[in-house]
C-alpha cells in the first residue's frame, strides 16, 4: 500500500503518496497543466471527458486528469459535484481504490496524488497517476487493425483477474484497456469503480458495456472477422480465467 498522507489547502485538500513523491509535497500547482507546460514538462491528449495531460513530476512520468461530468449531467455542470465529504470525493475514492487494486497485484496505474477544491456544497477534483510507459489503447489497436487472438486472450484473462477480485469497472470500454510493448494488459479510469462480491450480474454488465464500445467503434467493419478473431477468444479466456480463479479459491479454502 502507498504511504498516503493528506494535507489541507486554502480551498480543499490533497491526498498523496509520500513515498512516490520522493520527498516533494504536492501543492495546487501540481494539478494545473499550465504549471508543467510552462516548464516544458507537459503535453495534453484529447479523448474521454476533457482529455488528460502527461506531466513530468518529481514522482516521474505521470498522467493528470481533471474530473468532468458526462452525459446529461454535463449540461448542468461540466465539472462540479455535490459535496458529501472528503473521502467520498471522486478523486479520493479513485486514489484509494487504485491503491487497493495495486496492492492486490492487479495491473492498474499507481496513484500519486488526488485533490479536491470545495466551494459551498460543491467541489471539483483532479487525480495524478503514474504513467504506464509505451502503451496504446485497445481502441487504437482496433483502428489500425492490430487485434488478434493472442491479444484477445490476454485481455480476457486480465478482465477475469479483476472480476475474480471483485473489482467492478464502471466504464469498461476499449479506450480504458491498455496494452504495452510486451503485450501486458492494464485497465485505467476507475472513476466510480468499486470492490464488491463477485457476481454474474455486474460481471456480465461490464462485458456488455465493453461490447457496446466495440460496436460503437465499428469493430465489425474495421475487422470483418472481429468476433472470431477477437471477441470469442477473449470471452473464452475470460471464462477460463474465472473458472481457474474459482478453483484456486476453493483449494485455498479447503486447506484452511
C-alpha atoms as a PDB file:
ATOM      1  CA  UNK A   1       0.000   0.000   0.000  1.00  0.00           C
ATOM      2  CA  UNK A   2       1.084   3.604  -0.530  1.00  0.00           C
ATOM      3  CA  UNK A   3       2.267   5.961   2.211  1.00  0.00           C
ATOM      4  CA  UNK A   4      -0.890   8.041   1.915  1.00  0.00           C
ATOM      5  CA  UNK A   5      -0.962  11.451   3.577  1.00  0.00           C
ATOM      6  CA  UNK A   6      -3.460  14.301   3.470  1.00  0.00           C
ATOM      7  CA  UNK A   7      -2.612  17.975   3.575  1.00  0.00           C
ATOM      8  CA  UNK A   8      -5.093  20.845   3.675  1.00  0.00           C
ATOM      9  CA  UNK A   9      -5.081  23.640   1.116  1.00  0.00           C
ATOM     10  CA  UNK A  10      -6.761  27.038   1.097  1.00  0.00           C
ATOM     11  CA  UNK A  11      -9.751  25.622  -0.773  1.00  0.00           C
ATOM     12  CA  UNK A  12      -9.717  21.880  -0.057  1.00  0.00           C
ATOM     13  CA  UNK A  13      -7.189  19.096   0.446  1.00  0.00           C
ATOM     14  CA  UNK A  14      -4.598  16.940  -1.322  1.00  0.00           C
ATOM     15  CA  UNK A  15      -4.142  13.205  -0.741  1.00  0.00           C
ATOM     16  CA  UNK A  16      -0.748  11.923  -1.858  1.00  0.00           C
ATOM     17  CA  UNK A  17       1.665   9.010  -1.692  1.00  0.00           C
ATOM     18  CA  UNK A  18       4.648  10.383   0.219  1.00  0.00           C
ATOM     19  CA  UNK A  19       6.951   7.606  -0.978  1.00  0.00           C
ATOM     20  CA  UNK A  20       6.055   8.102  -4.644  1.00  0.00           C
ATOM     21  CA  UNK A  21       6.623  11.851  -4.446  1.00  0.00           C
ATOM     22  CA  UNK A  22      10.276  11.381  -3.462  1.00  0.00           C
ATOM     23  CA  UNK A  23      10.207  13.921  -0.643  1.00  0.00           C
ATOM     24  CA  UNK A  24       8.194  16.541  -2.547  1.00  0.00           C
ATOM     25  CA  UNK A  25       4.837  17.706  -1.204  1.00  0.00           C
ATOM     26  CA  UNK A  26       2.261  18.301  -3.955  1.00  0.00           C
ATOM     27  CA  UNK A  27       0.511  21.655  -3.926  1.00  0.00           C
ATOM     28  CA  UNK A  28      -2.261  23.134  -6.058  1.00  0.00           C
ATOM     29  CA  UNK A  29       0.186  23.931  -8.867  1.00  0.00           C
ATOM     30  CA  UNK A  30       0.745  20.214  -9.466  1.00  0.00           C
ATOM     31  CA  UNK A  31      -2.846  19.937 -10.704  1.00  0.00           C
ATOM     32  CA  UNK A  32      -2.551  22.770 -13.227  1.00  0.00           C
ATOM     33  CA  UNK A  33      -1.332  21.547 -16.655  1.00  0.00           C
ATOM     34  CA  UNK A  34      -0.053  25.042 -17.473  1.00  0.00           C
ATOM     35  CA  UNK A  35       2.322  24.852 -14.483  1.00  0.00           C
ATOM     36  CA  UNK A  36       4.087  21.870 -16.037  1.00  0.00           C
ATOM     37  CA  UNK A  37       3.736  23.171 -19.593  1.00  0.00           C
ATOM     38  CA  UNK A  38       5.485  26.399 -18.592  1.00  0.00           C
ATOM     39  CA  UNK A  39       8.458  24.284 -17.602  1.00  0.00           C
ATOM     40  CA  UNK A  40       8.340  22.209 -20.763  1.00  0.00           C
ATOM     41  CA  UNK A  41       7.158  19.217 -18.736  1.00  0.00           C
ATOM     42  CA  UNK A  42       3.673  18.600 -20.113  1.00  0.00           C
ATOM     43  CA  UNK A  43       1.701  17.639 -23.158  1.00  0.00           C
ATOM     44  CA  UNK A  44      -2.045  17.235 -23.495  1.00  0.00           C
ATOM     45  CA  UNK A  45      -4.026  14.433 -25.029  1.00  0.00           C
ATOM     46  CA  UNK A  46      -7.652  14.619 -26.089  1.00  0.00           C
ATOM     47  CA  UNK A  47     -10.212  11.855 -25.655  1.00  0.00           C
ATOM     48  CA  UNK A  48     -12.671  10.825 -22.988  1.00  0.00           C
ATOM     49  CA  UNK A  49     -14.316  13.566 -20.948  1.00  0.00           C
ATOM     50  CA  UNK A  50     -11.934  16.517 -21.212  1.00  0.00           C
ATOM     51  CA  UNK A  51      -8.741  14.628 -22.014  1.00  0.00           C
ATOM     52  CA  UNK A  52      -5.622  14.338 -19.856  1.00  0.00           C
ATOM     53  CA  UNK A  53      -2.178  15.895 -19.541  1.00  0.00           C
ATOM     54  CA  UNK A  54       1.051  13.912 -19.493  1.00  0.00           C
ATOM     55  CA  UNK A  55       3.370  15.594 -16.999  1.00  0.00           C
ATOM     56  CA  UNK A  56       6.905  15.043 -15.694  1.00  0.00           C
ATOM     57  CA  UNK A  57       6.713  15.379 -11.902  1.00  0.00           C
ATOM     58  CA  UNK A  58       9.095  14.669  -9.003  1.00  0.00           C
ATOM     59  CA  UNK A  59       7.275  11.318  -8.887  1.00  0.00           C
ATOM     60  CA  UNK A  60       8.262  10.638 -12.503  1.00  0.00           C
ATOM     61  CA  UNK A  61       6.167  10.489 -15.678  1.00  0.00           C
ATOM     62  CA  UNK A  62       2.510  10.888 -14.724  1.00  0.00           C
ATOM     63  CA  UNK A  63      -0.983  11.402 -16.094  1.00  0.00           C
ATOM     64  CA  UNK A  64      -3.015  14.336 -14.768  1.00  0.00           C
ATOM     65  CA  UNK A  65      -6.784  14.060 -15.137  1.00  0.00           C
ATOM     66  CA  UNK A  66      -9.432  16.614 -14.233  1.00  0.00           C
ATOM     67  CA  UNK A  67     -12.814  15.098 -13.442  1.00  0.00           C
ATOM     68  CA  UNK A  68     -15.526  16.034 -15.925  1.00  0.00           C
ATOM     69  CA  UNK A  69     -19.143  15.028 -15.935  1.00  0.00           C
ATOM     70  CA  UNK A  70     -20.531  13.017 -18.841  1.00  0.00           C
ATOM     71  CA  UNK A  71     -23.958  12.631 -20.411  1.00  0.00           C
ATOM     72  CA  UNK A  72     -26.901  14.840 -19.494  1.00  0.00           C
ATOM     73  CA  UNK A  73     -25.310  15.901 -16.199  1.00  0.00           C
ATOM     74  CA  UNK A  74     -22.630  17.786 -18.127  1.00  0.00           C
ATOM     75  CA  UNK A  75     -25.286  20.173 -19.441  1.00  0.00           C
ATOM     76  CA  UNK A  76     -25.995  21.305 -15.896  1.00  0.00           C
ATOM     77  CA  UNK A  77     -22.392  21.423 -14.664  1.00  0.00           C
ATOM     78  CA  UNK A  78     -19.282  20.351 -16.538  1.00  0.00           C
ATOM     79  CA  UNK A  79     -17.085  19.565 -13.556  1.00  0.00           C
ATOM     80  CA  UNK A  80     -18.853  20.382 -10.274  1.00  0.00           C
ATOM     81  CA  UNK A  81     -20.008  17.602  -7.939  1.00  0.00           C
ATOM     82  CA  UNK A  82     -22.170  17.595  -4.823  1.00  0.00           C
ATOM     83  CA  UNK A  83     -20.135  17.683  -1.624  1.00  0.00           C
ATOM     84  CA  UNK A  84     -20.770  14.672   0.653  1.00  0.00           C
ATOM     85  CA  UNK A  85     -17.431  14.510   2.474  1.00  0.00           C
ATOM     86  CA  UNK A  86     -13.728  14.424   1.606  1.00  0.00           C
ATOM     87  CA  UNK A  87     -13.341  10.643   1.435  1.00  0.00           C
ATOM     88  CA  UNK A  88     -16.345  10.405  -0.902  1.00  0.00           C
ATOM     89  CA  UNK A  89     -14.941  12.822  -3.478  1.00  0.00           C
ATOM     90  CA  UNK A  90     -14.326  11.230  -6.870  1.00  0.00           C
ATOM     91  CA  UNK A  91     -10.571  11.788  -6.692  1.00  0.00           C
ATOM     92  CA  UNK A  92     -10.045  10.432  -3.174  1.00  0.00           C
ATOM     93  CA  UNK A  93     -12.222   7.397  -3.868  1.00  0.00           C
ATOM     94  CA  UNK A  94     -10.341   6.524  -7.050  1.00  0.00           C
ATOM     95  CA  UNK A  95      -6.975   7.065  -5.342  1.00  0.00           C
ATOM     96  CA  UNK A  96      -7.881   4.616  -2.560  1.00  0.00           C
ATOM     97  CA  UNK A  97      -9.372   2.097  -4.997  1.00  0.00           C
ATOM     98  CA  UNK A  98      -6.284   2.122  -7.241  1.00  0.00           C
ATOM     99  CA  UNK A  99      -4.135   1.719  -4.148  1.00  0.00           C
ATOM    100  CA  UNK A 100      -6.096  -1.387  -3.104  1.00  0.00           C
ATOM    101  CA  UNK A 101      -6.076  -2.891  -6.592  1.00  0.00           C
ATOM    102  CA  UNK A 102      -2.347  -2.338  -6.945  1.00  0.00           C
ATOM    103  CA  UNK A 103      -1.727  -3.941  -3.550  1.00  0.00           C
ATOM    104  CA  UNK A 104      -3.697  -6.966  -4.781  1.00  0.00           C
ATOM    105  CA  UNK A 105      -1.348  -7.323  -7.736  1.00  0.00           C
ATOM    106  CA  UNK A 106      -3.780  -6.074 -10.366  1.00  0.00           C
ATOM    107  CA  UNK A 107      -2.404  -4.115 -13.346  1.00  0.00           C
ATOM    108  CA  UNK A 108      -3.506  -0.516 -12.799  1.00  0.00           C
ATOM    109  CA  UNK A 109      -1.628   2.798 -12.737  1.00  0.00           C
ATOM    110  CA  UNK A 110      -0.234   3.733  -9.318  1.00  0.00           C
ATOM    111  CA  UNK A 111      -1.966   6.723  -7.717  1.00  0.00           C
ATOM    112  CA  UNK A 112       0.354   9.624  -6.874  1.00  0.00           C
ATOM    113  CA  UNK A 113      -1.886  12.477  -5.705  1.00  0.00           C
ATOM    114  CA  UNK A 114      -5.550  13.470  -5.616  1.00  0.00           C
ATOM    115  CA  UNK A 115      -7.103  16.862  -4.931  1.00  0.00           C
ATOM    116  CA  UNK A 116     -10.460  18.433  -4.350  1.00  0.00           C
ATOM    117  CA  UNK A 117     -11.309  22.109  -4.201  1.00  0.00           C
ATOM    118  CA  UNK A 118     -14.535  22.938  -2.429  1.00  0.00           C
ATOM    119  CA  UNK A 119     -16.909  25.878  -2.742  1.00  0.00           C
ATOM    120  CA  UNK A 120     -20.047  25.666  -0.636  1.00  0.00           C
ATOM    121  CA  UNK A 121     -21.886  22.424  -1.349  1.00  0.00           C
ATOM    122  CA  UNK A 122     -19.923  21.617  -4.499  1.00  0.00           C
ATOM    123  CA  UNK A 123     -16.392  20.544  -5.336  1.00  0.00           C
ATOM    124  CA  UNK A 124     -14.074  19.946  -8.271  1.00  0.00           C
ATOM    125  CA  UNK A 125     -11.435  17.219  -8.403  1.00  0.00           C
ATOM    126  CA  UNK A 126      -8.205  16.050 -10.041  1.00  0.00           C
ATOM    127  CA  UNK A 127      -6.048  12.931  -9.957  1.00  0.00           C
ATOM    128  CA  UNK A 128      -2.382  12.298 -10.766  1.00  0.00           C
ATOM    129  CA  UNK A 129      -1.280   8.726 -11.559  1.00  0.00           C
ATOM    130  CA  UNK A 130       1.950   7.196 -12.730  1.00  0.00           C
ATOM    131  CA  UNK A 131       2.061   6.863 -16.485  1.00  0.00           C
ATOM    132  CA  UNK A 132       2.318   3.317 -17.812  1.00  0.00           C
ATOM    133  CA  UNK A 133       5.063   3.571 -20.484  1.00  0.00           C
ATOM    134  CA  UNK A 134       4.866   2.534 -24.114  1.00  0.00           C
ATOM    135  CA  UNK A 135       1.185   1.738 -24.264  1.00  0.00           C
ATOM    136  CA  UNK A 136      -1.706   2.133 -26.642  1.00  0.00           C
ATOM    137  CA  UNK A 137      -5.383   1.521 -26.065  1.00  0.00           C
ATOM    138  CA  UNK A 138      -7.272  -1.440 -27.456  1.00  0.00           C
ATOM    139  CA  UNK A 139      -9.336   1.136 -29.368  1.00  0.00           C
ATOM    140  CA  UNK A 140      -6.145   2.352 -31.043  1.00  0.00           C
ATOM    141  CA  UNK A 141      -5.145  -1.230 -31.800  1.00  0.00           C
ATOM    142  CA  UNK A 142      -8.548  -1.756 -33.402  1.00  0.00           C
ATOM    143  CA  UNK A 143      -8.202   1.384 -35.526  1.00  0.00           C
ATOM    144  CA  UNK A 144      -5.003   0.077 -37.103  1.00  0.00           C
ATOM    145  CA  UNK A 145      -6.314  -3.472 -37.457  1.00  0.00           C
ATOM    146  CA  UNK A 146      -3.932  -4.897 -34.855  1.00  0.00           C
ATOM    147  CA  UNK A 147      -6.312  -7.054 -32.831  1.00  0.00           C
ATOM    148  CA  UNK A 148      -5.580 -10.778 -32.847  1.00  0.00           C
ATOM    149  CA  UNK A 149      -6.470 -13.914 -30.834  1.00  0.00           C
ATOM    150  CA  UNK A 150      -3.291 -13.688 -28.739  1.00  0.00           C
ATOM    151  CA  UNK A 151      -4.138 -10.186 -27.536  1.00  0.00           C
ATOM    152  CA  UNK A 152      -7.778 -11.237 -27.118  1.00  0.00           C
ATOM    153  CA  UNK A 153      -6.760 -13.983 -24.696  1.00  0.00           C
ATOM    154  CA  UNK A 154      -4.616 -11.584 -22.695  1.00  0.00           C
ATOM    155  CA  UNK A 155      -7.450  -9.070 -22.460  1.00  0.00           C
ATOM    156  CA  UNK A 156      -9.934 -11.753 -21.413  1.00  0.00           C
ATOM    157  CA  UNK A 157      -7.606 -13.192 -18.780  1.00  0.00           C
ATOM    158  CA  UNK A 158      -6.896  -9.727 -17.372  1.00  0.00           C
ATOM    159  CA  UNK A 159     -10.566  -8.805 -17.050  1.00  0.00           C
ATOM    160  CA  UNK A 160     -11.141 -12.156 -15.332  1.00  0.00           C
ATOM    161  CA  UNK A 161      -8.440 -11.264 -12.777  1.00  0.00           C
ATOM    162  CA  UNK A 162     -10.280  -8.068 -11.886  1.00  0.00           C
ATOM    163  CA  UNK A 163     -13.666  -9.745 -11.731  1.00  0.00           C
ATOM    164  CA  UNK A 164     -12.382 -12.583  -9.570  1.00  0.00           C
ATOM    165  CA  UNK A 165     -11.018  -9.973  -7.138  1.00  0.00           C
ATOM    166  CA  UNK A 166     -14.404  -8.221  -7.076  1.00  0.00           C
ATOM    167  CA  UNK A 167     -13.125  -5.164  -8.940  1.00  0.00           C
ATOM    168  CA  UNK A 168     -16.018  -3.641 -10.865  1.00  0.00           C
ATOM    169  CA  UNK A 169     -15.054  -1.119 -13.549  1.00  0.00           C
ATOM    170  CA  UNK A 170     -17.878   1.382 -14.005  1.00  0.00           C
ATOM    171  CA  UNK A 171     -16.979   2.148 -17.623  1.00  0.00           C
ATOM    172  CA  UNK A 172     -15.157  -0.802 -19.145  1.00  0.00           C
ATOM    173  CA  UNK A 173     -14.554   0.118 -22.782  1.00  0.00           C
ATOM    174  CA  UNK A 174     -11.912  -0.234 -25.472  1.00  0.00           C
ATOM    175  CA  UNK A 175     -10.369   3.141 -24.543  1.00  0.00           C
ATOM    176  CA  UNK A 176      -9.762   2.051 -20.938  1.00  0.00           C
ATOM    177  CA  UNK A 177      -7.799  -1.103 -21.761  1.00  0.00           C
ATOM    178  CA  UNK A 178      -4.085  -0.521 -22.355  1.00  0.00           C
ATOM    179  CA  UNK A 179      -1.506  -2.787 -23.988  1.00  0.00           C
ATOM    180  CA  UNK A 180       2.220  -2.187 -23.574  1.00  0.00           C
ATOM    181  CA  UNK A 181       5.013  -3.092 -25.962  1.00  0.00           C
ATOM    182  CA  UNK A 182       5.326  -6.534 -24.353  1.00  0.00           C
ATOM    183  CA  UNK A 183       1.631  -7.295 -24.659  1.00  0.00           C
ATOM    184  CA  UNK A 184       0.902  -6.720 -20.950  1.00  0.00           C
ATOM    185  CA  UNK A 185      -2.684  -5.547 -20.451  1.00  0.00           C
ATOM    186  CA  UNK A 186      -3.763  -2.940 -17.873  1.00  0.00           C
ATOM    187  CA  UNK A 187      -7.047  -1.233 -17.013  1.00  0.00           C
ATOM    188  CA  UNK A 188      -7.367   2.501 -16.359  1.00  0.00           C
ATOM    189  CA  UNK A 189     -10.021   5.057 -15.355  1.00  0.00           C
ATOM    190  CA  UNK A 190     -11.592   3.594 -12.224  1.00  0.00           C
ATOM    191  CA  UNK A 191     -13.739   6.647 -11.544  1.00  0.00           C
ATOM    192  CA  UNK A 192     -16.917   5.308  -9.875  1.00  0.00           C
ATOM    193  CA  UNK A 193     -15.363   1.832  -9.748  1.00  0.00           C
ATOM    194  CA  UNK A 194     -15.815  -0.347  -6.681  1.00  0.00           C
ATOM    195  CA  UNK A 195     -14.873  -3.539  -4.893  1.00  0.00           C
ATOM    196  CA  UNK A 196     -17.812  -5.878  -4.431  1.00  0.00           C
ATOM    197  CA  UNK A 197     -18.665  -9.534  -4.075  1.00  0.00           C
ATOM    198  CA  UNK A 198     -18.118 -11.347  -7.395  1.00  0.00           C
ATOM    199  CA  UNK A 199     -21.492 -11.884  -9.048  1.00  0.00           C
ATOM    200  CA  UNK A 200     -22.638 -12.795 -12.539  1.00  0.00           C
ATOM    201  CA  UNK A 201     -24.942  -9.768 -12.905  1.00  0.00           C
ATOM    202  CA  UNK A 202     -22.364  -6.996 -12.634  1.00  0.00           C
ATOM    203  CA  UNK A 203     -19.653  -9.038 -14.347  1.00  0.00           C
ATOM    204  CA  UNK A 204     -21.861  -9.582 -17.406  1.00  0.00           C
ATOM    205  CA  UNK A 205     -22.874  -5.914 -17.331  1.00  0.00           C
ATOM    206  CA  UNK A 206     -19.185  -4.987 -17.559  1.00  0.00           C
ATOM    207  CA  UNK A 207     -18.711  -7.246 -20.570  1.00  0.00           C
ATOM    208  CA  UNK A 208     -21.865  -5.933 -22.240  1.00  0.00           C
ATOM    209  CA  UNK A 209     -20.576  -2.371 -21.869  1.00  0.00           C
ATOM    210  CA  UNK A 210     -17.270  -3.408 -23.426  1.00  0.00           C
ATOM    211  CA  UNK A 211     -19.090  -4.993 -26.345  1.00  0.00           C
ATOM    212  CA  UNK A 212     -21.140  -1.831 -26.901  1.00  0.00           C
ATOM    213  CA  UNK A 213     -17.950   0.201 -27.046  1.00  0.00           C
ATOM    214  CA  UNK A 214     -16.555  -2.072 -29.761  1.00  0.00           C
ATOM    215  CA  UNK A 215     -19.805  -1.814 -31.702  1.00  0.00           C
ATOM    216  CA  UNK A 216     -19.732   1.967 -31.373  1.00  0.00           C
ATOM    217  CA  UNK A 217     -16.183   1.966 -32.769  1.00  0.00           C
ATOM    218  CA  UNK A 218     -17.357  -0.078 -35.761  1.00  0.00           C
ATOM    219  CA  UNK A 219     -15.269  -3.115 -34.861  1.00  0.00           C
ATOM    220  CA  UNK A 220     -17.060  -5.439 -37.285  1.00  0.00           C
ATOM    221  CA  UNK A 221     -16.443  -3.016 -40.134  1.00  0.00           C
ATOM    222  CA  UNK A 222     -12.805  -2.458 -39.257  1.00  0.00           C
ATOM    223  CA  UNK A 223     -12.218  -6.192 -38.810  1.00  0.00           C
ATOM    224  CA  UNK A 224     -14.606  -8.305 -40.857  1.00  0.00           C
ATOM    225  CA  UNK A 225     -13.855 -11.312 -38.637  1.00  0.00           C
ATOM    226  CA  UNK A 226     -13.879  -9.348 -35.352  1.00  0.00           C
ATOM    227  CA  UNK A 227     -15.991 -11.895 -33.465  1.00  0.00           C
ATOM    228  CA  UNK A 228     -13.882 -14.884 -34.483  1.00  0.00           C
ATOM    229  CA  UNK A 229     -10.559 -13.049 -34.316  1.00  0.00           C
ATOM    230  CA  UNK A 230     -11.023 -11.187 -31.051  1.00  0.00           C
ATOM    231  CA  UNK A 231     -14.358 -11.258 -29.217  1.00  0.00           C
ATOM    232  CA  UNK A 232     -14.873 -15.028 -28.949  1.00  0.00           C
ATOM    233  CA  UNK A 233     -11.237 -15.809 -27.976  1.00  0.00           C
ATOM    234  CA  UNK A 234     -11.468 -13.001 -25.401  1.00  0.00           C
ATOM    235  CA  UNK A 235     -14.625 -14.456 -23.860  1.00  0.00           C
ATOM    236  CA  UNK A 236     -13.139 -17.966 -23.831  1.00  0.00           C
ATOM    237  CA  UNK A 237     -10.039 -16.726 -21.979  1.00  0.00           C
ATOM    238  CA  UNK A 238     -12.216 -14.707 -19.617  1.00  0.00           C
ATOM    239  CA  UNK A 239     -14.381 -17.666 -18.612  1.00  0.00           C
ATOM    240  CA  UNK A 240     -11.336 -19.934 -18.328  1.00  0.00           C
ATOM    241  CA  UNK A 241      -9.711 -17.371 -16.048  1.00  0.00           C
ATOM    242  CA  UNK A 242     -12.777 -17.108 -13.830  1.00  0.00           C
ATOM    243  CA  UNK A 243     -13.004 -20.897 -13.534  1.00  0.00           C
ATOM    244  CA  UNK A 244      -9.304 -21.147 -12.708  1.00  0.00           C
ATOM    245  CA  UNK A 245      -9.553 -18.450 -10.048  1.00  0.00           C
ATOM    246  CA  UNK A 246     -12.657 -20.024  -8.512  1.00  0.00           C
ATOM    247  CA  UNK A 247     -10.896 -23.393  -8.336  1.00  0.00           C
ATOM    248  CA  UNK A 248      -7.907 -21.711  -6.686  1.00  0.00           C
ATOM    249  CA  UNK A 249     -10.112 -20.029  -4.094  1.00  0.00           C
ATOM    250  CA  UNK A 250     -11.802 -23.366  -3.361  1.00  0.00           C
ATOM    251  CA  UNK A 251      -8.454 -25.129  -2.863  1.00  0.00           C
ATOM    252  CA  UNK A 252      -7.199 -22.435  -0.524  1.00  0.00           C
ATOM    253  CA  UNK A 253     -10.468 -22.562   1.435  1.00  0.00           C
ATOM    254  CA  UNK A 254     -10.266 -26.337   1.806  1.00  0.00           C
ATOM    255  CA  UNK A 255      -6.666 -26.096   3.022  1.00  0.00           C
ATOM    256  CA  UNK A 256      -7.618 -23.838   5.964  1.00  0.00           C
END
